[in-house]
């Protein structure tokens, strides 16, 4: 009987051990998600290819939208510069006889069109530079995806090298801002002479 009890108690140990292992809480390492290294190994070559395609597609879309947004801002600035400077000069012409009451503030108003056009011209230069950076980035994407013969940025880049006339839009923008600044300088000088600013 003692032998049977020993055997029974010995057979209980594996059962108790299994029960204790089943009730054991998972460790922190088991609860943690896969590490970056293990995640990388879970991606197949086709998965990485799909991710790269989605990345290129999204980047191309965002950069194109950004370029279109800056082009719209440039065109808005051209329209607003004409309206604002024209409004200031019109107000000065209408109120010419009453400007003597403004004192030194008269000079500030006369120089406002010049300052405004200079500010917007500088803003144009910054936006034009950002557009160039985005266009260069898109060209690199097109070359990387081997679409340089079909991609718009690569195509227009080659056209501009062959035919400089394709840069006419940028030249028109530059000509506009230069003409506006020069016109405001001339108008300010003529207005100053009419008010006797330069008389000794």
Protein backbone atom coordinates (compact mmCIF):
# COMPACT_ATOMS: atom_id res chain seq x y z
CA UNK A 1 0.00 0.00 0.00
CA UNK A 2 2.87 2.38 0.76
CA UNK A 3 4.29 1.67 -2.70
CA UNK A 4 0.95 2.52 -4.27
CA UNK A 5 0.82 5.84 -2.40
CA UNK A 6 4.32 6.69 -3.59
CA UNK A 7 3.35 5.89 -7.14
CA UNK A 8 0.18 7.95 -6.85
CA UNK A 9 2.04 10.90 -5.40
CA UNK A 10 4.66 10.66 -8.16
CA UNK A 11 2.04 10.69 -10.82
CA UNK A 12 0.53 13.81 -9.30
CA UNK A 13 3.69 15.89 -9.74
CA UNK A 14 3.50 16.13 -13.58
CA UNK A 15 -0.20 17.04 -13.33
CA UNK A 16 0.44 19.77 -10.75
CA UNK A 17 3.36 21.04 -12.83
CA UNK A 18 1.17 21.31 -15.92
CA UNK A 19 -1.52 23.13 -13.95
CA UNK A 20 0.98 25.63 -12.60
CA UNK A 21 2.35 26.25 -16.09
CA UNK A 22 -1.14 26.79 -17.49
CA UNK A 23 -1.93 29.35 -14.76
CA UNK A 24 1.32 31.20 -15.32
CA UNK A 25 0.81 34.78 -16.53
CA UNK A 26 2.51 35.71 -19.84
CA UNK A 27 5.65 37.73 -19.43
CA UNK A 28 6.11 41.31 -20.68
CA UNK A 29 8.22 40.09 -23.57
CA UNK A 30 5.42 37.76 -24.68
CA UNK A 31 2.88 40.57 -24.49
CA UNK A 32 4.98 43.02 -26.49
CA UNK A 33 4.35 43.27 -30.23
CA UNK A 34 6.92 42.12 -32.70
CA UNK A 35 10.06 44.19 -32.73
CA UNK A 36 10.89 46.22 -35.86
CA UNK A 37 13.40 43.59 -36.85
CA UNK A 38 10.80 40.82 -36.77
CA UNK A 39 8.31 43.03 -38.62
CA UNK A 40 10.79 43.54 -41.42
CA UNK A 41 11.17 39.81 -41.85
CA UNK A 42 7.38 39.42 -42.10
CA UNK A 43 7.25 41.56 -45.25
CA UNK A 44 7.66 39.75 -48.50
CA UNK A 45 9.34 41.30 -51.50
CA UNK A 46 5.95 41.85 -53.14
CA UNK A 47 4.67 43.62 -50.01
CA UNK A 48 7.63 45.98 -50.01
CA UNK A 49 7.08 46.63 -53.69
CA UNK A 50 3.45 47.57 -53.02
CA UNK A 51 4.49 49.88 -50.16
CA UNK A 52 7.04 51.58 -52.42
CA UNK A 53 4.43 52.07 -55.13
CA UNK A 54 1.95 53.58 -52.68
CA UNK A 55 4.65 55.85 -51.27
CA UNK A 56 5.70 57.12 -54.71
CA UNK A 57 2.07 57.61 -55.74
CA UNK A 58 1.23 59.58 -52.60
CA UNK A 59 4.39 61.70 -52.78
CA UNK A 60 3.77 62.53 -56.43
CA UNK A 61 0.18 63.50 -55.68
CA UNK A 62 1.13 65.72 -52.72
CA UNK A 63 3.99 67.49 -54.52
CA UNK A 64 1.79 68.12 -57.56
CA UNK A 65 -0.95 69.61 -55.35
CA UNK A 66 1.62 71.79 -53.61
CA UNK A 67 2.91 73.11 -56.93
CA UNK A 68 -0.62 73.90 -58.11
CA UNK A 69 -1.33 75.67 -54.82
CA UNK A 70 1.74 77.90 -55.13
CA UNK A 71 0.95 78.72 -58.76
CA UNK A 72 -2.54 79.83 -57.70
CA UNK A 73 -1.06 82.01 -54.94
CA UNK A 74 1.30 83.66 -57.41
CA UNK A 75 -1.56 84.47 -59.77
CA UNK A 76 -3.67 85.77 -56.86
CA UNK A 77 -0.79 88.01 -55.77
CA UNK A 78 -0.50 89.46 -59.27
CA UNK A 79 -4.19 90.33 -59.32
CA UNK A 80 -4.16 91.69 -55.75
CA UNK A 81 -1.04 93.79 -56.38
CA UNK A 82 -2.76 95.52 -59.30
CA UNK A 83 -5.97 96.12 -57.35
CA UNK A 84 -4.27 97.38 -54.18
CA UNK A 85 -1.69 99.66 -55.78
CA UNK A 86 -4.32 100.98 -58.19
CA UNK A 87 -6.68 101.69 -55.30
CA UNK A 88 -3.99 103.63 -53.38
CA UNK A 89 -3.00 105.77 -56.37
CA UNK A 90 -6.65 106.40 -57.19
CA UNK A 91 -7.31 107.56 -53.63
CA UNK A 92 -4.27 109.88 -53.79
CA UNK A 93 -5.49 111.36 -57.08
CA UNK A 94 -9.04 111.91 -55.80
CA UNK A 95 -7.88 113.47 -52.51
CA UNK A 96 -4.93 115.40 -53.99
CA UNK A 97 -6.16 118.80 -52.80
CA UNK A 98 -6.70 117.61 -49.23
CA UNK A 99 -3.42 115.79 -48.70
CA UNK A 100 -1.77 118.77 -47.01
CA UNK A 101 -3.65 117.95 -43.82
CA UNK A 102 -1.95 114.55 -43.59
CA UNK A 103 1.52 115.92 -42.86
CA UNK A 104 4.27 113.28 -42.89
CA UNK A 105 1.68 110.55 -43.28
CA UNK A 106 1.30 111.68 -46.89
CA UNK A 107 4.78 110.32 -47.66
CA UNK A 108 3.90 106.99 -46.06
CA UNK A 109 0.81 106.62 -48.23
CA UNK A 110 2.73 107.48 -51.40
CA UNK A 111 5.39 104.87 -50.65
CA UNK A 112 2.86 102.17 -49.76
CA UNK A 113 2.36 100.93 -53.36
CA UNK A 114 6.11 100.58 -53.79
CA UNK A 115 6.50 98.75 -50.50
CA UNK A 116 3.56 96.47 -51.26
CA UNK A 117 4.80 95.57 -54.75
CA UNK A 118 8.31 94.94 -53.41
CA UNK A 119 6.97 92.66 -50.69
CA UNK A 120 4.82 90.65 -53.11
CA UNK A 121 7.71 90.39 -55.59
CA UNK A 122 9.90 88.91 -52.83
CA UNK A 123 7.08 86.54 -51.92
CA UNK A 124 6.92 85.46 -55.57
CA UNK A 125 10.64 84.66 -55.60
CA UNK A 126 10.27 82.45 -52.52
CA UNK A 127 7.25 80.58 -53.93
CA UNK A 128 8.96 80.16 -57.30
CA UNK A 129 11.95 78.59 -55.54
CA UNK A 130 9.70 76.17 -53.64
CA UNK A 131 8.00 75.21 -56.91
CA UNK A 132 11.44 74.50 -58.42
CA UNK A 133 12.35 72.26 -55.47
CA UNK A 134 9.11 70.30 -55.80
CA UNK A 135 9.58 69.96 -59.56
CA UNK A 136 13.11 68.63 -59.05
CA UNK A 137 11.83 66.11 -56.50
CA UNK A 138 9.15 64.92 -58.93
CA UNK A 139 11.79 64.51 -61.64
CA UNK A 140 13.78 62.28 -59.30
CA UNK A 141 10.67 60.20 -58.58
CA UNK A 142 9.98 59.85 -62.30
CA UNK A 143 13.56 58.75 -62.95
CA UNK A 144 13.51 56.30 -60.05
CA UNK A 145 10.33 54.67 -61.36
CA UNK A 146 11.76 54.68 -64.90
CA UNK A 147 9.02 57.01 -66.16
CA UNK A 148 11.38 59.77 -67.19
CA UNK A 149 10.24 59.48 -70.81
CA UNK A 150 6.56 59.80 -69.81
CA UNK A 151 6.68 61.92 -66.66
CA UNK A 152 5.61 65.53 -67.09
CA UNK A 153 8.41 67.12 -65.09
CA UNK A 154 11.13 65.25 -66.97
CA UNK A 155 9.47 66.03 -70.29
CA UNK A 156 9.03 69.77 -69.63
CA UNK A 157 12.58 69.96 -68.28
CA UNK A 158 13.96 68.59 -71.55
CA UNK A 159 11.68 70.88 -73.57
CA UNK A 160 12.97 73.94 -71.70
CA UNK A 161 16.52 72.97 -72.54
CA UNK A 162 15.64 72.58 -76.22
CA UNK A 163 13.27 75.54 -76.50
CA UNK A 164 13.89 78.39 -74.05
CA UNK A 165 10.58 79.94 -75.13
CA UNK A 166 8.80 77.40 -72.90
CA UNK A 167 10.04 79.44 -69.93
CA UNK A 168 7.90 82.35 -71.10
CA UNK A 169 5.42 82.07 -68.19
CA UNK A 170 8.15 82.54 -65.58
CA UNK A 171 9.57 85.41 -67.60
CA UNK A 172 6.14 87.06 -67.71
CA UNK A 173 5.90 86.81 -63.92
CA UNK A 174 9.32 88.41 -63.47
CA UNK A 175 8.52 91.09 -66.04
CA UNK A 176 5.28 91.90 -64.23
CA UNK A 177 6.92 92.45 -60.85
CA UNK A 178 9.79 94.46 -62.30
CA UNK A 179 7.37 96.64 -64.29
CA UNK A 180 5.14 97.16 -61.26
CA UNK A 181 8.04 98.20 -59.02
CA UNK A 182 9.45 100.56 -61.67
CA UNK A 183 6.00 102.07 -62.30
CA UNK A 184 5.48 102.72 -58.58
CA UNK A 185 8.92 104.32 -58.29
CA UNK A 186 8.18 106.65 -61.24
CA UNK A 187 4.74 107.54 -59.87
CA UNK A 188 6.17 108.25 -56.42
CA UNK A 189 8.84 110.55 -57.91
CA UNK A 190 6.31 112.41 -60.08
CA UNK A 191 3.96 112.77 -57.14
CA UNK A 192 6.78 114.10 -55.00
CA UNK A 193 7.70 116.72 -57.62
CA UNK A 194 4.07 117.80 -57.84
CA UNK A 195 3.95 118.27 -54.09
CA UNK A 196 7.26 120.11 -53.97
CA UNK A 197 9.17 117.46 -52.02
CA UNK A 198 12.37 117.99 -53.97
CA UNK A 199 12.33 121.78 -54.12
CA UNK A 200 15.08 123.57 -52.21
